[in-house]
Amino acid sequence: PGFTCTASCTSGITYVDGPKGQCLYRGYPVAELCAKCDFMEVAHLLLNGELPGKKEKKEFVDRIESEYLVHERFRDFFKVFRMNAHPMAIMVAATGSLSAYYHDNLDWSKPDDREICAMRLIAKMPTLAAMAYKSHIGEPVVYPRAGMT
């Protein structure tokens, strides 16, 4: 019943076999990734097809952390939601609105431009999630700090 409103496709990133209880990201069981990896390692895996080594992880984290902050107007964006609005509904709206702030005349036909968008999205998700949660509980928004992954 839970899969009735979801599109199905073949993917090189995710594999799901419900009857067997399998969910894989790039060939790794998701449960194993949750137990042994952090957010940045899994993000690197999803984007690049492999888990990062120490040097790769540091470079990846540094790049992501340079994109953590969101436009100052996002602070006002979160004020329009009712205090009891569900955080996921707030996240959906906030994620969609990123394109209005961070389009930068990017050309989707260029792999480098697509990578910039992916890195920004990964970087801003923890910030938006924290802002959505703080809005939900009626507390002021707190900006992220580098090194707090």
Protein backbone atom coordinates (compact mmCIF):
# COMPACT_ATOMS: atom_id res chain seq x y z
CA PRO A 1 0.00 0.00 0.00
CA GLY A 2 2.83 2.48 0.69
CA PHE A 3 4.29 2.21 -2.82
CA THR A 4 1.08 3.03 -4.70
CA CYS A 5 1.81 6.74 -5.24
CA THR A 6 5.51 6.32 -6.02
CA ALA A 7 7.08 6.05 -9.44
CA SER A 8 9.20 3.00 -10.11
CA CYS A 9 12.34 2.99 -12.23
CA THR A 10 15.70 1.32 -12.72
CA SER A 11 18.48 3.18 -10.92
CA GLY A 12 22.23 2.92 -10.67
CA ILE A 13 22.07 4.55 -7.26
CA THR A 14 19.26 2.88 -5.33
CA TYR A 15 17.98 -0.68 -5.36
CA VAL A 16 14.86 -1.70 -3.45
CA ASP A 17 13.42 -5.21 -3.17
CA GLY A 18 10.56 -4.97 -0.68
CA PRO A 19 9.72 -8.69 -0.48
CA LYS A 20 13.39 -9.48 0.30
CA GLY A 21 13.73 -6.50 2.65
CA GLN A 22 16.61 -5.07 0.63
CA CYS A 23 17.43 -1.40 0.25
CA LEU A 24 20.82 -0.62 -1.25
CA TYR A 25 22.64 2.60 -2.07
CA ARG A 26 25.33 2.00 -4.69
CA GLY A 27 25.41 -1.67 -3.64
CA TYR A 28 25.72 -1.03 0.11
CA PRO A 29 22.89 -2.03 2.48
CA VAL A 30 21.35 1.18 3.83
CA ALA A 31 21.28 -0.26 7.37
CA GLU A 32 25.05 -0.79 7.17
CA LEU A 33 25.60 2.77 5.92
CA CYS A 34 23.48 4.13 8.78
CA ALA A 35 25.52 2.17 11.32
CA LYS A 36 29.00 2.82 9.95
CA CYS A 37 28.95 6.08 7.98
CA ASP A 38 28.04 9.70 8.56
CA PHE A 39 25.91 12.04 6.43
CA MET A 40 28.88 13.36 4.46
CA GLU A 41 30.23 9.90 3.61
CA VAL A 42 26.84 8.73 2.33
CA ALA A 43 26.36 11.96 0.35
CA HIS A 44 29.77 11.41 -1.24
CA LEU A 45 28.83 7.80 -2.04
CA LEU A 46 25.56 8.83 -3.68
CA LEU A 47 27.22 11.52 -5.81
CA ASN A 48 30.46 9.78 -6.69
CA GLY A 49 29.72 6.06 -6.55
CA GLU A 50 32.18 5.22 -3.79
CA LEU A 51 32.80 5.94 -0.15
CA PRO A 52 35.49 8.59 0.36
CA GLY A 53 38.96 8.02 1.77
CA LYS A 54 40.21 10.42 4.48
CA LYS A 55 41.57 12.99 2.03
CA GLU A 56 38.50 12.82 -0.22
CA LYS A 57 36.20 13.18 2.77
CA LYS A 58 38.03 16.26 4.07
CA GLU A 59 37.89 17.92 0.65
CA PHE A 60 34.21 17.03 0.29
CA VAL A 61 33.33 18.29 3.78
CA ASP A 62 35.25 21.53 3.23
CA ARG A 63 33.37 22.12 -0.02
CA ILE A 64 29.99 21.36 1.55
CA GLU A 65 30.67 23.54 4.60
CA SER A 66 31.50 26.49 2.31
CA GLU A 67 27.86 26.31 1.10
CA TYR A 68 26.06 25.84 4.47
CA LEU A 69 24.59 29.29 4.77
CA VAL A 70 21.35 30.22 3.06
CA HIS A 71 20.26 33.63 1.88
CA GLU A 72 19.25 35.88 4.79
CA ARG A 73 15.72 36.17 3.44
CA PHE A 74 15.19 32.51 4.24
CA ARG A 75 14.91 33.57 7.85
CA ASP A 76 11.75 35.50 6.92
CA PHE A 77 10.53 32.62 4.74
CA PHE A 78 10.13 30.42 7.82
CA LYS A 79 8.06 33.02 9.66
CA VAL A 80 5.06 32.53 7.35
CA PHE A 81 4.33 28.99 8.53
CA ARG A 82 1.99 28.25 11.40
CA MET A 83 3.84 27.14 14.48
CA ASN A 84 2.23 23.71 14.29
CA ALA A 85 3.01 23.19 10.58
CA HIS A 86 4.64 19.83 9.97
CA PRO A 87 8.43 20.20 9.53
CA MET A 88 8.39 18.05 6.37
CA ALA A 89 5.85 20.35 4.74
CA ILE A 90 8.10 23.27 5.60
CA MET A 91 11.11 21.40 4.15
CA VAL A 92 9.31 20.72 0.88
CA ALA A 93 8.48 24.41 0.48
CA ALA A 94 11.97 25.54 1.49
CA THR A 95 13.70 23.09 -0.84
CA GLY A 96 11.60 24.21 -3.78
CA SER A 97 12.32 27.83 -3.06
CA LEU A 98 16.09 27.29 -3.24
CA SER A 99 15.85 27.53 -7.02
CA ALA A 100 14.68 31.13 -6.71
CA TYR A 101 17.82 32.06 -4.77
CA TYR A 102 20.57 29.88 -6.21
CA HIS A 103 19.99 29.58 -9.95
CA ASP A 104 23.13 31.55 -10.96
CA ASN A 105 22.41 31.07 -14.66
CA LEU A 106 23.53 27.47 -14.33
CA ASP A 107 23.47 25.34 -17.46
CA TRP A 108 22.03 21.88 -16.75
CA SER A 109 23.80 20.46 -19.80
CA LYS A 110 27.17 21.03 -18.08
CA PRO A 111 28.26 18.39 -15.53
CA ASP A 112 30.13 20.99 -13.44
CA ASP A 113 27.00 23.12 -13.10
CA ARG A 114 24.95 20.07 -12.05
CA GLU A 115 27.60 19.23 -9.47
CA ILE A 116 27.43 22.77 -8.04
CA CYS A 117 23.66 22.38 -7.62
CA ALA A 118 24.03 18.98 -5.96
CA MET A 119 26.68 20.26 -3.55
CA ARG A 120 24.54 23.28 -2.62
CA LEU A 121 21.51 21.11 -2.02
CA ILE A 122 23.44 18.71 0.21
CA ALA A 123 24.97 21.62 2.09
CA LYS A 124 21.73 23.45 2.68
CA MET A 125 19.59 20.48 3.78
CA PRO A 126 20.86 20.38 7.39
CA THR A 127 20.45 24.16 7.62
CA LEU A 128 16.91 24.04 6.24
CA ALA A 129 16.02 21.08 8.44
CA ALA A 130 17.19 22.95 11.54
CA MET A 131 15.30 26.07 10.47
CA ALA A 132 12.13 24.04 9.81
CA TYR A 133 12.39 22.35 13.20
CA LYS A 134 13.01 25.60 15.06
CA SER A 135 10.03 27.18 13.28
CA HIS A 136 7.89 24.18 14.19
CA ILE A 137 8.68 24.52 17.90
CA GLY A 138 8.49 28.33 17.87
CA GLU A 139 12.14 29.05 18.61
CA PRO A 140 14.49 31.46 16.81
CA VAL A 141 16.50 30.10 13.89
CA VAL A 142 20.14 29.28 14.64
CA TYR A 143 22.75 29.39 11.89
CA PRO A 144 25.04 26.39 11.31
CA ARG A 145 28.66 26.25 12.38
CA ALA A 146 31.35 24.65 10.28
CA GLY A 147 32.83 21.53 11.84
CA MET A 148 29.54 20.47 13.42
CA THR A 149 28.65 17.71 10.97
